[in-house]
Protein backbone atom coordinates (compact mmCIF):
# COMPACT_ATOMS: atom_id res chain seq x y z
CA MET A 1 0.02 0.00 0.00
CA SER A 2 1.51 3.33 -1.01
CA ASN A 3 1.18 6.68 0.67
CA GLY A 4 -2.00 8.39 -0.44
CA SER A 5 -3.94 5.22 0.16
CA LYS A 6 -7.18 5.52 2.10
CA ILE A 7 -7.43 3.92 5.54
CA LEU A 8 -10.62 3.57 7.57
CA VAL A 9 -9.95 3.74 11.34
CA VAL A 10 -12.75 2.27 13.48
CA ASP A 11 -12.78 2.45 17.26
CA ASP A 12 -15.23 3.64 19.91
CA ASP A 13 -12.31 5.39 21.69
CA ARG A 14 -12.26 8.77 19.93
CA ASP A 15 -8.86 9.65 21.37
CA LEU A 16 -7.30 6.54 19.86
CA VAL A 17 -8.95 7.30 16.51
CA ASP A 18 -7.51 10.82 16.64
CA ILE A 19 -4.01 9.56 17.50
CA LEU A 20 -4.04 6.95 14.72
CA THR A 21 -5.35 9.57 12.31
CA MET A 22 -2.51 11.99 13.13
CA VAL A 23 0.13 9.26 12.73
CA LEU A 24 -1.28 7.98 9.45
CA GLN A 25 -1.85 11.44 7.97
CA GLY A 26 1.75 12.25 8.91
CA LYS A 27 2.72 9.39 6.58
CA ALA A 28 0.52 10.86 3.78
CA TYR A 29 -2.36 8.41 4.11
CA GLU A 30 -5.92 9.63 3.66
CA VAL A 31 -7.89 8.70 6.80
CA VAL A 32 -11.59 8.14 7.26
CA GLN A 33 -12.91 7.81 10.81
CA ALA A 34 -15.76 5.72 12.23
CA TYR A 35 -16.73 5.18 15.87
CA GLY A 36 -18.91 2.08 15.78
CA PRO A 37 -19.97 -0.93 13.72
CA GLN A 38 -22.80 0.66 11.75
CA GLU A 39 -20.72 3.73 10.98
CA ALA A 40 -17.89 1.45 9.86
CA LEU A 41 -20.06 -0.53 7.46
CA ALA A 42 -21.48 2.65 5.96
CA ALA A 43 -18.00 4.14 5.61
CA VAL A 44 -16.62 1.04 3.84
CA GLU A 45 -19.47 1.13 1.32
CA ARG A 46 -19.21 4.91 0.80
CA GLU A 47 -15.44 5.44 0.92
CA HIS A 48 -13.97 2.16 -0.43
CA PRO A 49 -10.85 2.34 1.74
CA ASP A 50 -7.71 0.43 0.83
CA LEU A 51 -7.41 -0.87 4.41
CA VAL A 52 -9.59 -1.00 7.55
CA LEU A 53 -8.09 -0.73 11.05
CA LEU A 54 -10.88 -2.16 13.19
CA ASP A 55 -11.27 -2.39 16.96
CA VAL A 56 -12.39 -5.80 18.22
CA MET A 57 -14.09 -4.66 21.42
CA MET A 58 -16.70 -1.94 21.06
CA PRO A 59 -19.68 -1.19 23.29
CA GLU A 60 -21.62 -4.17 21.96
CA ALA A 61 -18.96 -6.71 23.04
CA THR A 62 -17.20 -8.19 19.97
CA GLU A 63 -18.78 -5.90 17.40
CA GLY A 64 -15.54 -5.73 15.42
CA PHE A 65 -15.91 -9.38 14.48
CA HIS A 66 -19.50 -8.72 13.39
CA VAL A 67 -18.24 -6.02 10.99
CA VAL A 68 -15.79 -8.53 9.48
CA TRP A 69 -18.43 -11.24 9.15
CA ASN A 70 -20.83 -8.74 7.57
CA LEU A 71 -18.28 -7.55 5.01
CA ARG A 72 -17.02 -11.04 4.18
CA GLY A 73 -20.59 -12.19 3.54
CA ARG A 74 -21.25 -9.57 0.87
CA GLU A 75 -21.58 -10.43 -2.82
CA ASP A 76 -19.69 -7.26 -3.79
CA PRO A 77 -16.10 -8.47 -4.39
CA TYR A 78 -14.61 -5.23 -3.04
CA LEU A 79 -16.54 -5.40 0.23
CA ALA A 80 -15.86 -9.11 0.66
CA ASN A 81 -12.12 -8.67 0.18
CA VAL A 82 -11.12 -5.30 1.65
CA PRO A 83 -8.04 -5.84 3.87
CA ILE A 84 -8.79 -5.60 7.60
CA ILE A 85 -6.39 -5.35 10.50
CA MET A 86 -7.97 -6.01 13.89
CA LEU A 87 -6.92 -3.83 16.85
CA THR A 88 -7.41 -4.92 20.42
CA ALA A 89 -6.27 -4.08 23.92
CA ILE A 90 -6.93 -7.63 25.13
């Protein structure tokens, strides 16, 4: 992935999203932010990021995994294959 690529950062911790955004933008990546599972799914469909950084544990327990399962179950080849890196504090 080259600089200028679009990365979607998803976490319910807004401070962490802001920190990751600053670091990634400092490396010339375009960053899209989302703060929950529904926002993440909408952002993937709307923004078509090159990579998703996704929190595992959000307010609804393991919602991060539900986002992955939802995307991987889509018929749209892009949505079913977008690269995802899971983030977790556990």
